[in-house]
Every structure is written in C-alpha cells, then in structure tokens.
Protein backbone atom coordinates (compact mmCIF):
# COMPACT_ATOMS: atom_id res chain seq x y z
CA MET A 1 86.95 56.98 90.81
CA SER A 2 83.41 58.21 91.61
CA ARG A 3 80.94 55.75 93.31
CA PRO A 4 77.56 55.38 91.32
CA LEU A 5 74.35 55.65 93.36
CA ALA A 6 72.48 52.21 93.77
CA ALA A 7 69.02 51.59 92.97
CA LYS A 8 68.25 50.59 96.57
CA LEU A 9 67.35 53.60 98.84
CA GLU A 10 68.61 51.82 101.93
CA ASP A 11 72.19 51.20 100.32
CA ASN A 12 72.59 54.86 99.27
CA LEU A 13 71.31 55.88 102.79
CA GLY A 14 73.89 53.57 104.53
CA ILE A 15 76.72 55.00 102.68
CA LEU A 16 75.56 58.61 103.06
CA GLY A 17 74.86 58.18 106.82
CA GLU A 18 78.27 56.56 107.42
CA VAL A 19 80.37 59.19 105.46
CA LEU A 20 78.53 62.32 106.77
CA GLY A 21 78.38 60.79 110.40
CA ALA A 22 74.55 61.06 110.61
CA GLU A 23 74.52 59.31 114.06
CA GLU A 24 77.35 61.44 115.45
CA SER A 25 76.54 64.80 114.07
CA PHE A 26 73.06 66.12 115.14
CA ASP A 27 72.70 68.47 112.04
CA VAL A 28 72.98 65.85 109.50
CA ILE A 29 69.28 65.22 108.78
CA ILE A 30 67.87 62.14 106.99
CA ARG A 31 64.28 62.73 106.51
CA ARG A 32 62.61 59.31 105.46
CA LEU A 33 59.14 59.66 103.71
CA GLN A 34 56.74 57.84 101.27
CA VAL A 35 56.28 59.08 97.77
CA ALA A 36 53.59 57.53 95.54
CA GLY A 37 54.02 54.27 97.52
CA ARG A 38 57.81 54.08 97.33
CA GLY A 39 60.35 54.84 99.85
CA ALA A 40 62.18 58.08 99.64
CA ALA A 41 64.41 60.44 101.65
CA LEU A 42 65.72 64.06 101.88
CA VAL A 43 69.29 64.33 103.14
CA PHE A 44 70.57 67.81 104.14
CA ILE A 45 72.41 69.75 106.84
CA ASP A 46 70.29 71.62 109.14
CA GLY A 47 70.85 75.40 109.35
CA LEU A 48 71.68 75.52 105.80
CA VAL A 49 68.36 74.98 104.01
CA LYS A 50 65.16 77.11 104.04
CA GLU A 51 62.73 75.38 106.28
CA ASP A 52 59.65 76.87 104.51
CA VAL A 53 60.90 75.42 101.09
CA VAL A 54 61.45 71.87 102.66
CA THR A 55 57.87 72.11 104.34
CA GLN A 56 56.50 72.97 100.80
CA ILE A 57 58.21 70.04 99.19
CA LEU A 58 56.95 67.67 101.80
CA ARG A 59 53.31 69.00 101.22
CA THR A 60 53.70 68.56 97.46
CA LEU A 61 55.14 64.95 97.63
CA ALA A 62 52.85 63.61 100.13
CA PRO A 63 49.57 63.12 98.13
CA LEU A 64 51.31 61.89 95.02
CA GLU A 65 50.13 58.47 93.65
CA ARG A 66 52.18 55.96 91.60
CA SER A 67 50.35 56.94 88.40
CA ASP A 68 51.66 60.61 89.02
CA LEU A 69 55.23 59.45 88.45
CA THR A 70 55.06 57.48 85.29
CA PRO A 71 57.12 56.80 83.05
CA SER A 72 60.30 58.36 84.54
CA PRO A 73 59.74 59.27 88.22
CA LEU A 74 62.61 61.55 88.71
CA GLU A 75 62.11 63.21 85.53
CA VAL A 76 58.47 63.88 86.30
CA LEU A 77 59.19 65.01 89.80
CA ASN A 78 61.81 67.65 88.44
CA ARG A 79 59.37 68.76 85.49
CA ARG A 80 56.22 68.74 87.21
CA TRP A 81 55.94 68.44 90.99
CA LEU A 82 58.88 69.93 92.63
CA PRO A 83 58.07 73.64 93.57
CA PHE A 84 61.56 74.99 93.19
CA ILE A 85 63.63 76.56 90.46
CA GLU A 86 67.10 75.17 90.97
CA VAL A 87 67.06 71.36 90.68
CA THR A 88 69.79 69.21 89.28
CA ALA A 89 70.36 65.65 88.58
CA VAL A 90 73.02 63.83 90.67
CA LYS A 91 74.47 60.57 89.36
CA ASP A 92 77.08 59.49 91.93
CA LEU A 93 77.52 59.40 95.80
CA ASP A 94 80.47 61.77 95.72
CA GLY A 95 78.30 64.29 93.81
CA ALA A 96 75.57 64.02 96.34
CA ILE A 97 77.86 64.35 99.47
CA GLU A 98 79.39 67.39 97.89
CA GLN A 99 75.80 68.87 97.19
CA ILE A 100 74.73 68.12 100.82
CA LEU A 101 77.80 69.73 102.39
CA SER A 102 77.52 72.68 100.19
CA GLY A 103 73.93 73.42 101.44
CA PRO A 104 71.44 71.84 98.83
CA LEU A 105 69.16 69.00 99.92
CA VAL A 106 69.33 65.73 98.02
CA PHE A 107 66.25 63.70 97.22
CA LEU A 108 66.56 59.98 96.89
CA LEU A 109 63.94 57.63 95.57
CA ASP A 110 63.89 53.88 96.04
CA GLY A 111 64.37 52.04 92.63
CA GLU A 112 66.31 54.94 91.12
CA ASP A 113 70.10 55.04 90.68
CA LYS A 114 70.05 58.92 90.51
CA ALA A 115 69.16 61.59 92.94
CA LEU A 116 67.99 65.20 92.72
CA ALA A 117 69.76 68.17 94.29
CA ILE A 118 67.45 71.09 95.33
CA ASP A 119 69.33 74.24 95.89
CA ALA A 120 67.24 75.63 98.67
CA ARG A 121 70.19 76.73 100.88
CA GLU A 122 69.95 79.63 103.09
CA TYR A 123 73.31 80.65 104.57
CA PRO A 124 73.59 82.47 107.82
CA VAL A 125 74.51 86.31 106.75
CA ARG A 126 74.59 89.66 108.43
CA ALA A 127 72.87 92.67 107.01
CA LEU A 128 74.36 94.63 104.28
CA GLU A 129 76.25 97.61 105.61
CA GLU A 130 78.74 100.05 104.68
CA PRO A 131 82.29 98.80 105.04
CA GLU A 132 84.10 100.18 107.96
CA LEU A 133 87.54 100.71 106.21
CA GLU A 134 85.96 102.28 103.09
CA ARG A 135 83.48 104.87 104.24
CA VAL A 136 82.54 107.68 102.03
CA VAL A 137 80.73 110.94 102.73
CA ARG A 138 78.32 110.52 99.66
CA GLY A 139 77.73 107.24 97.94
CA SER A 140 76.19 103.86 98.34
CA ARG A 141 76.27 102.39 101.83
CA ASP A 142 76.05 98.55 100.89
CA GLY A 143 79.07 96.49 101.18
CA PHE A 144 79.92 92.66 100.75
CA ALA A 145 78.83 90.14 103.28
CA GLU A 146 80.30 86.68 103.89
CA THR A 147 78.12 84.91 101.30
CA ILE A 148 79.47 84.63 97.86
CA VAL A 149 76.14 84.59 96.11
CA PHE A 150 75.07 87.87 97.65
CA ASN A 151 78.47 89.34 96.81
CA THR A 152 78.18 88.44 92.94
CA ALA A 153 74.71 89.70 92.94
CA LEU A 154 75.85 93.17 94.27
CA VAL A 155 78.30 93.29 91.32
CA ARG A 156 75.78 92.27 88.69
CA ARG A 157 73.38 94.91 90.17
CA ARG A 158 75.87 97.38 89.02
CA LEU A 159 77.06 95.77 85.81
CA ARG A 160 74.10 94.47 83.88
CA ASP A 161 76.34 93.35 80.99
CA PRO A 162 75.85 89.99 79.39
CA GLN A 163 79.66 89.80 78.94
CA LEU A 164 80.12 89.63 82.75
CA ARG A 165 81.28 86.31 83.52
CA VAL A 166 81.23 84.60 86.97
CA ARG A 167 83.20 81.40 86.93
CA LEU A 168 82.99 79.17 89.77
CA TYR A 169 85.61 76.90 91.44
CA THR A 170 86.00 74.59 94.50
CA VAL A 171 89.10 74.87 96.34
CA GLY A 172 90.29 72.75 99.20
CA ARG A 173 89.98 68.94 99.77
CA ARG A 174 88.25 69.22 103.07
CA SER A 175 86.76 72.85 103.19
CA ARG A 176 85.33 72.64 99.55
CA THR A 177 85.22 76.62 99.45
CA ASP A 178 83.52 78.20 96.68
CA VAL A 179 85.76 80.68 94.84
CA ALA A 180 84.52 82.96 92.05
CA LEU A 181 86.27 84.57 89.19
CA LEU A 182 84.73 87.66 87.80
CA TYR A 183 85.59 89.60 84.74
CA ILE A 184 84.06 91.16 81.69
CA ARG A 185 84.66 88.96 78.66
CA ASP A 186 85.07 91.44 75.87
CA ILE A 187 87.28 93.81 78.00
CA ALA A 188 89.57 91.60 80.26
CA ASN A 189 92.83 90.28 78.66
CA PRO A 190 91.98 86.38 77.99
CA GLY A 191 95.55 85.49 78.87
CA LEU A 192 95.19 87.19 82.18
CA VAL A 193 92.09 85.28 82.97
CA SER A 194 93.44 82.04 81.95
CA MET A 195 96.58 82.48 83.84
CA ILE A 196 94.62 83.25 87.34
CA ALA A 197 92.01 80.52 86.44
CA GLU A 198 94.98 78.13 86.31
CA ARG A 199 96.48 79.17 89.38
CA ILE A 200 93.13 78.80 91.32
CA GLN A 201 92.58 75.26 89.95
CA ALA A 202 96.26 74.38 90.86
CA VAL A 203 95.66 75.10 94.58
CA ASP A 204 96.10 71.77 96.40
CA VAL A 205 95.41 72.26 100.16
CA ASP A 206 93.00 70.81 102.69
CA GLY A 207 91.03 73.97 103.22
CA LEU A 208 91.11 77.91 103.01
CA PRO A 209 90.61 78.73 106.78
CA MET A 210 91.42 82.40 106.27
CA GLY A 211 89.38 82.88 103.14
CA GLU A 212 90.66 85.19 100.52
CA LYS A 213 94.03 85.77 102.27
CA SER A 214 94.84 82.04 102.26
CA LEU A 215 94.05 81.88 98.37
CA GLU A 216 96.06 84.98 97.83
CA GLU A 217 99.16 83.48 99.11
CA PHE A 218 98.71 80.43 96.65
CA ILE A 219 98.01 82.52 93.47
CA THR A 220 100.39 85.42 93.78
CA GLY A 221 103.22 83.21 92.34
CA LYS A 222 106.92 83.48 93.57
CA ARG A 223 107.02 86.13 96.17
CA ALA A 224 109.24 86.24 99.19
CA TRP A 225 107.55 85.79 102.58
CA TRP A 226 109.27 88.89 104.06
CA ASN A 227 107.90 91.20 101.36
CA PRO A 228 105.11 93.02 103.10
CA PHE A 229 103.85 94.94 100.03
CA PRO A 230 100.56 93.60 98.89
CA VAL A 231 100.36 92.69 95.14
CA VAL A 232 96.41 92.50 95.31
CA ARG A 233 93.99 94.94 96.40
CA TYR A 234 91.15 94.09 98.69
CA THR A 235 87.70 95.87 98.68
CA GLU A 236 84.43 95.47 100.50
CA ARG A 237 82.70 97.97 98.18
CA PRO A 238 80.83 96.67 95.00
CA ASP A 239 81.02 99.93 93.20
CA VAL A 240 84.96 99.77 93.54
CA VAL A 241 84.82 96.21 92.11
CA ALA A 242 82.58 97.43 89.13
CA VAL A 243 85.04 100.28 88.34
CA HIS A 244 87.96 97.83 88.17
CA LEU A 245 86.17 95.37 86.06
CA LEU A 246 85.19 98.12 83.47
CA GLU A 247 88.95 98.92 83.52
CA GLY A 248 89.81 95.40 82.62
CA HIS A 249 90.82 93.98 85.98
CA VAL A 250 89.86 90.54 87.31
CA ALA A 251 88.18 90.17 90.67
CA VAL A 252 88.26 87.04 92.84
CA ALA A 253 85.55 86.38 95.61
CA VAL A 254 85.89 83.72 98.11
CA ASP A 255 82.86 82.33 100.07
CA THR A 256 82.69 83.20 103.81
CA SER A 257 84.99 86.30 103.01
CA PRO A 258 83.34 89.89 102.80
CA GLY A 259 86.23 91.18 100.65
CA LEU A 260 87.09 90.67 96.88
CA MET A 261 90.64 90.49 95.56
CA LEU A 262 91.29 92.82 92.59
CA LEU A 263 94.27 92.06 90.38
CA PRO A 264 96.60 92.80 88.97
CA VAL A 265 97.24 96.26 90.67
CA THR A 266 100.06 98.62 91.01
CA ILE A 267 101.14 100.65 94.08
CA PHE A 268 99.07 103.54 93.09
CA HIS A 269 95.91 101.40 93.43
CA HIS A 270 96.66 101.32 97.18
CA MET A 271 96.57 104.97 97.43
CA GLN A 272 93.18 105.78 95.71
CA HIS A 273 89.88 105.87 97.40
CA ALA A 274 86.24 105.94 96.30
CA GLU A 275 85.82 109.49 97.94
CA ASP A 276 88.15 110.91 95.02
CA TYR A 277 85.15 109.94 92.46
CA ARG A 278 82.25 110.91 94.86
CA GLN A 279 83.42 114.54 94.80
CA ASP A 280 84.00 117.22 92.08
CA PRO A 281 87.22 116.62 90.06
CA ALA A 282 88.90 119.58 91.49
CA VAL A 283 88.21 118.54 95.18
CA GLY A 284 88.99 115.06 94.19
CA VAL A 285 92.41 116.34 93.09
CA TYR A 286 92.98 117.95 96.32
CA LEU A 287 91.95 114.96 98.44
CA ARG A 288 94.28 112.73 96.50
CA TRP A 289 97.28 115.25 96.71
CA VAL A 290 96.56 115.55 100.49
CA ARG A 291 96.50 111.77 100.74
CA PHE A 292 99.73 111.18 98.78
CA LEU A 293 101.38 113.76 101.00
CA ALA A 294 100.21 112.06 104.11
CA ILE A 295 101.38 108.60 102.92
CA GLY A 296 104.85 110.07 101.78
CA LEU A 297 105.29 112.03 105.31
CA SER A 298 104.36 108.76 107.21
CA TRP A 299 106.69 106.65 105.24
CA ILE A 300 109.87 108.66 105.02
CA GLY A 301 109.28 111.63 107.36
CA PRO A 302 110.22 110.32 110.66
CA PRO A 303 113.34 108.52 109.37
CA LEU A 304 114.47 111.45 107.47
CA TRP A 305 114.04 113.88 110.43
CA VAL A 306 116.12 111.67 112.84
CA ALA A 307 118.81 111.22 110.39
CA LEU A 308 119.14 115.09 109.70
CA VAL A 309 119.06 115.72 113.44
CA LEU A 310 121.79 113.17 114.20
CA ASP A 311 123.91 114.38 111.31
CA LYS A 312 123.09 118.09 111.06
CA GLN A 313 126.76 119.06 111.46
CA LEU A 314 127.25 117.81 107.82
CA PHE A 315 125.22 120.80 106.68
CA GLY A 316 126.98 123.59 108.44
CA GLY A 317 124.52 125.87 110.36
CA LEU A 318 121.64 125.33 107.97
CA LEU A 319 119.81 122.60 110.10
CA ASP A 320 120.64 123.94 113.51
CA PHE A 321 116.65 124.73 114.00
CA LEU A 322 116.06 120.88 113.90
CA GLY A 323 115.89 118.83 116.79
CA PRO A 324 114.84 119.22 120.41
CA ARG A 325 116.42 121.91 122.56
CA ASP A 326 116.15 119.78 125.82
CA PRO A 327 117.50 116.17 125.34
CA ALA A 328 115.52 113.50 126.85
CA LEU A 329 116.73 110.41 128.73
CA VAL A 330 115.94 108.09 125.85
CA PRO A 331 118.09 108.44 122.77
CA LEU A 332 116.27 110.12 119.95
CA PRO A 333 116.08 107.18 117.42
CA LEU A 334 114.89 104.94 120.23
CA GLN A 335 112.09 107.24 121.08
CA PHE A 336 110.73 106.90 117.60
CA ILE A 337 111.05 103.23 117.70
CA LEU A 338 109.35 102.91 121.03
CA GLY A 339 106.69 105.33 120.00
CA GLU A 340 105.96 103.16 116.94
CA VAL A 341 105.82 99.88 118.96
CA GLY A 342 103.62 101.65 121.47
CA ILE A 343 100.99 102.87 118.83
CA ASP A 344 100.86 99.37 117.60
CA LEU A 345 100.38 97.93 121.05
CA VAL A 346 97.52 100.27 121.61
CA ARG A 347 96.08 99.40 118.19
CA LEU A 348 96.28 95.56 118.87
CA ALA A 349 94.81 96.30 122.33
CA LEU A 350 91.92 98.22 120.89
CA ILE A 351 91.14 95.52 118.48
CA HIS A 352 90.61 92.93 121.31
CA THR A 353 88.98 95.40 123.54
CA PRO A 354 85.08 95.58 123.78
CA ASN A 355 83.42 98.72 122.36
CA ALA A 356 82.41 99.80 125.74
CA LEU A 357 85.91 100.03 126.82
CA ALA A 358 87.70 101.11 123.68
CA THR A 359 87.38 104.96 124.26
CA SER A 360 89.04 104.44 127.71
CA LEU A 361 91.75 102.49 126.52
CA GLY A 362 92.60 104.81 123.91
CA PHE A 363 92.67 107.77 126.44
CA ILE A 364 94.83 105.73 128.64
CA GLY A 365 97.22 104.93 125.77
CA ALA A 366 97.50 108.37 124.77
CA ILE A 367 98.26 109.77 128.27
CA LEU A 368 100.81 107.05 128.86
CA LEU A 369 102.69 107.34 125.43
CA GLY A 370 102.30 111.12 125.25
CA GLU A 371 101.94 113.49 128.15
CA VAL A 372 103.37 111.55 130.93
CA ALA A 373 106.30 110.24 128.88
CA ILE A 374 107.21 113.84 128.23
CA ARG A 375 106.94 115.06 131.72
CA VAL A 376 109.06 112.49 133.13
CA GLY A 377 111.72 113.26 130.55
CA LEU A 378 111.70 110.00 128.63
CA PHE A 379 110.56 111.48 125.51
CA THR A 380 110.73 114.85 123.84
CA ALA A 381 107.52 116.60 122.68
CA GLU A 382 108.83 116.80 119.09
CA ALA A 383 109.35 112.93 118.93
CA ILE A 384 105.81 112.36 120.11
CA LEU A 385 104.49 115.09 117.54
CA TYR A 386 106.34 113.53 114.62
CA VAL A 387 105.17 109.87 115.65
CA ALA A 388 101.62 111.08 115.91
CA VAL A 389 101.94 112.63 112.20
CA ALA A 390 103.14 109.41 110.91
CA ALA A 391 100.35 107.58 112.42
CA ILE A 392 97.78 109.85 111.06
CA GLY A 393 99.39 109.50 107.66
CA THR A 394 99.14 105.62 108.11
CA PHE A 395 95.42 105.82 109.05
CA ALA A 396 94.93 108.06 105.88
CA THR A 397 96.00 105.24 103.67
CA PRO A 398 92.97 103.59 101.90
CA SER A 399 94.59 100.24 101.78
CA LEU A 400 94.99 98.45 105.14
CA GLU A 401 97.57 96.12 103.79
CA PHE A 402 99.58 98.77 102.22
CA ALA A 403 99.42 100.85 105.43
CA GLN A 404 100.90 97.92 107.27
CA ALA A 405 103.69 97.57 104.74
CA VAL A 406 104.44 101.28 105.19
CA ARG A 407 104.49 101.02 108.99
CA LEU A 408 106.83 98.09 108.85
CA THR A 409 109.39 99.76 106.44
CA ARG A 410 109.22 102.89 108.29
CA LEU A 411 110.18 100.95 111.60
CA ILE A 412 113.01 99.27 109.61
CA LEU A 413 114.33 102.77 108.30
CA LEU A 414 114.20 104.01 111.88
CA VAL A 415 116.33 101.07 112.86
CA VAL A 416 118.90 101.59 110.15
CA VAL A 417 119.04 105.26 111.10
CA ALA A 418 119.76 104.51 114.66
CA GLY A 419 122.74 102.39 113.58
CA LEU A 420 124.09 104.17 110.29
CA ARG A 421 122.59 107.58 110.45
CA LEU A 422 122.06 109.55 107.30
CA PRO A 423 124.31 107.45 104.91
CA GLY A 424 122.40 104.43 105.95
CA LEU A 425 119.17 105.91 105.38
CA ALA A 426 120.26 106.89 101.78
CA VAL A 427 121.35 103.31 101.08
CA ALA A 428 118.22 101.79 102.66
CA VAL A 429 115.81 103.98 100.66
CA VAL A 430 117.74 103.18 97.25
CA ILE A 431 117.32 99.48 98.28
CA LEU A 432 113.63 99.90 98.96
CA ALA A 433 113.17 101.70 95.57
CA ILE A 434 115.06 98.84 93.72
CA ALA A 435 112.98 96.29 95.40
CA LEU A 436 109.67 98.06 94.50
CA THR A 437 110.70 98.55 91.00
CA ARG A 438 111.51 94.89 90.49
CA MET A 439 108.04 93.66 92.09
CA ARG A 440 105.45 92.35 89.95
CA SER A 441 101.61 91.91 90.29
CA PHE A 442 100.74 88.95 88.00
CA GLY A 443 103.53 90.09 85.91
CA VAL A 444 102.66 93.85 85.89
CA PRO A 445 105.38 96.18 87.12
CA TYR A 446 104.39 97.29 90.64
CA MET A 447 105.63 100.87 90.16
CA TRP A 448 103.96 101.52 86.64
CA PRO A 449 103.50 104.26 85.34
CA LEU A 450 106.37 105.66 87.43
CA TRP A 451 108.66 102.89 86.29
CA PRO A 452 108.55 101.92 83.39
CA LEU A 453 107.64 105.50 82.92
CA HIS A 454 104.41 106.44 81.13
CA PHE A 455 103.86 109.92 81.44
CA PRO A 456 100.19 110.36 80.35
CA SER A 457 99.03 107.56 82.85
CA LEU A 458 101.21 109.06 85.55
CA VAL A 459 99.32 112.40 84.98
CA SER A 460 96.02 110.62 85.25
CA ILE A 461 97.07 109.21 88.66
CA ALA A 462 98.29 112.57 90.05
CA ILE A 463 95.22 114.25 88.82
CA ARG A 464 91.85 112.99 89.08
CA THR A 465 90.41 112.98 85.45
CA PRO A 466 86.66 113.87 84.94
CA VAL A 467 84.78 110.92 83.94
CA PRO A 468 83.80 112.09 80.29
CA GLN A 469 87.62 112.80 79.65
CA ALA A 470 88.74 109.28 80.88
CA ARG A 471 88.19 107.73 77.60
CA LEU A 472 90.90 104.96 77.46
CA ARG A 473 91.26 102.07 79.85
CA PRO A 474 94.57 101.47 81.64
CA ARG A 475 97.34 100.69 79.24
CA PHE A 476 99.16 98.19 81.25
CA LEU A 477 96.19 95.67 81.40
CA GLY A 478 96.36 94.93 77.56
CA VAL A 479 92.56 94.89 77.44
CA ARG A 480 90.55 93.68 74.33
CA ASP A 481 88.59 96.98 74.24
CA PRO A 482 90.81 99.95 75.16
CA ASP A 483 88.13 102.62 74.30
CA ARG A 484 85.42 103.23 76.85
CA MET A 485 83.38 105.73 74.82
CA ALA A 486 83.42 103.85 71.40
CA GLY A 487 80.55 101.58 72.35
CA ARG A 488 80.73 97.85 72.15
CA GLY A 489 82.62 96.82 69.06
CA PRO A 490 84.23 93.74 67.74
CA ALA A 491 86.80 92.51 70.10
CA THR A 492 90.37 91.75 69.27
CA ASP A 493 91.81 88.40 68.67
CA PRO A 494 90.24 85.99 71.24
CA GLU A 495 93.61 84.37 71.72
CA LEU A 496 95.11 87.75 72.89
CA GLU A 497 98.06 86.82 74.97
CA TRP A 498 98.85 88.47 78.30
CA PRO A 499 101.81 90.74 77.67
CA PHE A 500 103.61 90.02 81.01
CA ASP A 501 105.51 86.77 82.02
CA GLY A 502 103.59 86.45 85.29
CA ASP A 503 106.55 86.16 87.51
CA ASP A 504 105.46 88.29 90.61
CA GLU A 505 108.81 88.86 92.07
CA SER A 506 111.24 90.00 89.38
CA GLY A 507 111.73 89.95 85.62
CA SER A 508 112.09 92.23 82.64
CA SER A 509 108.56 92.56 81.62
CA SER A 510 107.24 95.92 79.88
CA PRO A 511 103.98 97.32 79.62
CA GLY A 512 101.66 95.91 76.98
CA PRO A 513 100.17 97.93 74.14
C-alpha cells in the first residue's frame, strides 16, 4: 500500500532522506529553500538533472510572495511560475521516490500533501554514431545510444505516423528499468502486441543488469537453455527498426541498452542486412546470394569436407582428389576442432585487448595458428584454409547472435564427424533440421516460409524485391493492414487474434492469413 505525503515538509524530507540514504550517498541532493515565506525543498539525484534548469527554477521561485501562490499554491506554481514543460503531480511517497530515482527532481512545499515532479533529467550519453556491427556503404550514420528517450526519438524521426505507439513499462523491483514497446497500431496484430505486453509486465526480478538480453530470456517463453539460435533480432539501426515496424513487427527498447529487439522473427531475418536495400535491386540480389552462400559454407562446409575425406572410399575413386597429400601429426578432425577453438581464443583476446595492441595480437594469432602450425607439421594447409573460409562466412553473417549459433553447431558437427564420420554427420544434420523446424519465435515457425512452405514469400527472400513491387506485408505476421500501397483504410477487427499459440519451443501452429 502506498504511503501518502504528509502536509509537514520535515516529515516528508525525513522519510525521503532515510529511504534514499541522503546522509550516506553524496549524490542525493536535498536543496532547502524559502518560497513565498514557506519552507520548500528540491530533491534530486546529482548528475541526472540539468543544472541550468535547476538554476532557472531557483531564480523563478526566490522572489515570489505569498499572494503569488493563492489560492492553490502547487497548482499556481505548475500553471504560472515553473519554467518547464514536463511537470506532473505526485500524491504519495513511493511515487516521489520512484520519480527521484528515475531522474526528475521533486519539489515539496510545506503545508501541501502533494508534490511536483519536474522532468529536467539529463542522462549521461555518448554521441550518436554508426553501429559497428551494421555498417553500410551508403545510408544513415546514426545509431541507437544507451538512453531510451533518444532511441524512441530516432524511430519517430523516421515514422511520423500518429498511429505509432510507444508504451512504457517499468521492470525490476530494484533497477526500475524503463522498457518501451513500439508498434504501429493499425498495422501490428493486436493479439501479438497484447501477448508481448503481458510477458513484459509478468517479469518478476530484482533488476535487468544486462539490459535487453536479460529481458529477452524472460519474454521468449518456453525455450531450452541449450538452444543457441536467437528467436529475436537485435539491431542498433533506427532505419531497420522503422522498416520492421512498417511490416507489422513489434520492437522492444530497454533503457541503458543501445540495441532494440525486433520480434517475432524467422531464421531468414538474421541473414538480411540493410546494405541489400541501399543498393540497386540487382546488386542487392547478388549481395544476398553471396551472403547466403557464405553462411551455408561456414555452417556445413568444414564438417562435410572432413566427413567426405574420412569416408571417401565409399564413393569409389570419385573423391580421391579430396584431402591433404601429406598427413599431419594431428588427426584431421582434431585439426578443425583446434582451429575453431583457436579462432575463438583470438577473438576473445581481441575483445579484451586495447586498440593500440589489437593489430599486433591479430598478427601473432594468425602466425601461430597458421604458418607456424603448418611448418612444424601439426596442421595441413587445407585444414587452415577451410577453417579460415568458415570464419569469414561467420563474420559475413549480419546477426552476431545467429553467427555464434552457427559457430557452435559447426563445432558440434565436427565433433560428431570425428566420432561417427559421414553417417553420424547425416544423422546430426537431420536432427538439426528437425529442431529448427520445431522452433518458434512467439509462436511463428522459425523456418517460415521454407517450413511450412509458402513459395511466394520464399521467392521474396531469395530475391531482393524492388520497393514499388513489395506491395504486401509479410503473411506470417497476421497484420491488420496487409497492403502497403492501398493507403490508410479502415483496419480490420480491433480484436483480431494472434494466429499462433505463442509456444516458442514446439507446437503445430500454421501461418496466419
């Protein structure tokens, strides 16, 4: 039960000072002052408010007389004297504490059992810059930052649609993290929006220390911890978010995180990049095919090559050209496994290495893993070549999370090949395919439109469609307004249901209309 504010200023300040630890925390500021002959105070967190705004407020309040605040002091202050736009009334202590910890400053006046929250916050933020993981040759260079208000503003700058909704939630008993749910009201399926909103509100935890990733693990539903494949897509580009919102997707922004979650998604969303749509359609098709080929080679290429080399006698003399001519000291499957682990070791070391030393570390890693290993006879040149090709294909994958899943499953397939050779690889690939077809992203089949098969949508994934010809929104989203070109028309039934069951691990759901 919330505690009401008292009419006595000292009673309120005593409780606020005790709860916030004003005597123990240097950044909890209680600024006492006199306003119209009455005691007053501003309570805020140092570093989260704009100092010039606070100074202006103090200058405005200092010369006020008692007659300037009649008949209702706080109401008159709000309407006439406070030189700031975002001012709201606070009726209880818990609300005042939440406002103070969120950044606004709270104004209390002796004799009043209410307070005013003045949203003059200014979060520490870095400059907006192009995301490192989603660079494009041509296109916008702005990317999301760690402040949720800036991120939603970047989306609104691209979508000046009055139907764009940004619903705010607070998650975490201790962290009180702001979480925003973004969608276009007359496009997104209301059943999908309601399901995601309910999952966000149902999160019961003390905090979200890792931002959007912590929230993802709460809202993605029943999903095995050992499954590495991502069922949401992360992006730090506001233009990518705008494109997906126009398709009918939902975006989730978490304060302190520079990336937004897009959901629901399929496996093919992790293979597309903004560069495809920053080039001419023919060039975009070529880039997409090259990327698909790179992902495929990095995923199944090394395990398949090792399996064929180990069992090439099964094919008569057709595959005699495969494999190294001079065997190395290390068995062939183990060469690939050690190469994969070595690349990951170098990658992890580069993450923790200062930029001034990163080039040197990369050079040392390449020499140790490549040239020296070949010269001393531990590895063959072909093994190093194919490990490098797989690494390049992994780095060509737009989604970092999906690339990590590909790398991990490739390593598992190599281990299977080392023990069971070609038959084991065949069984493992079938098991992997079955697992992917049974996966769901908020009820949507993960392999759609490949499974269940929807040929027109599959063609649009393989071939980058020119924008004027991309008339219909994705079928699997069950959107309220499926036609992009028809203009804003009457939306379908506002109670339109989400055509999937919402189980993210398995189920018999089928694509919606």
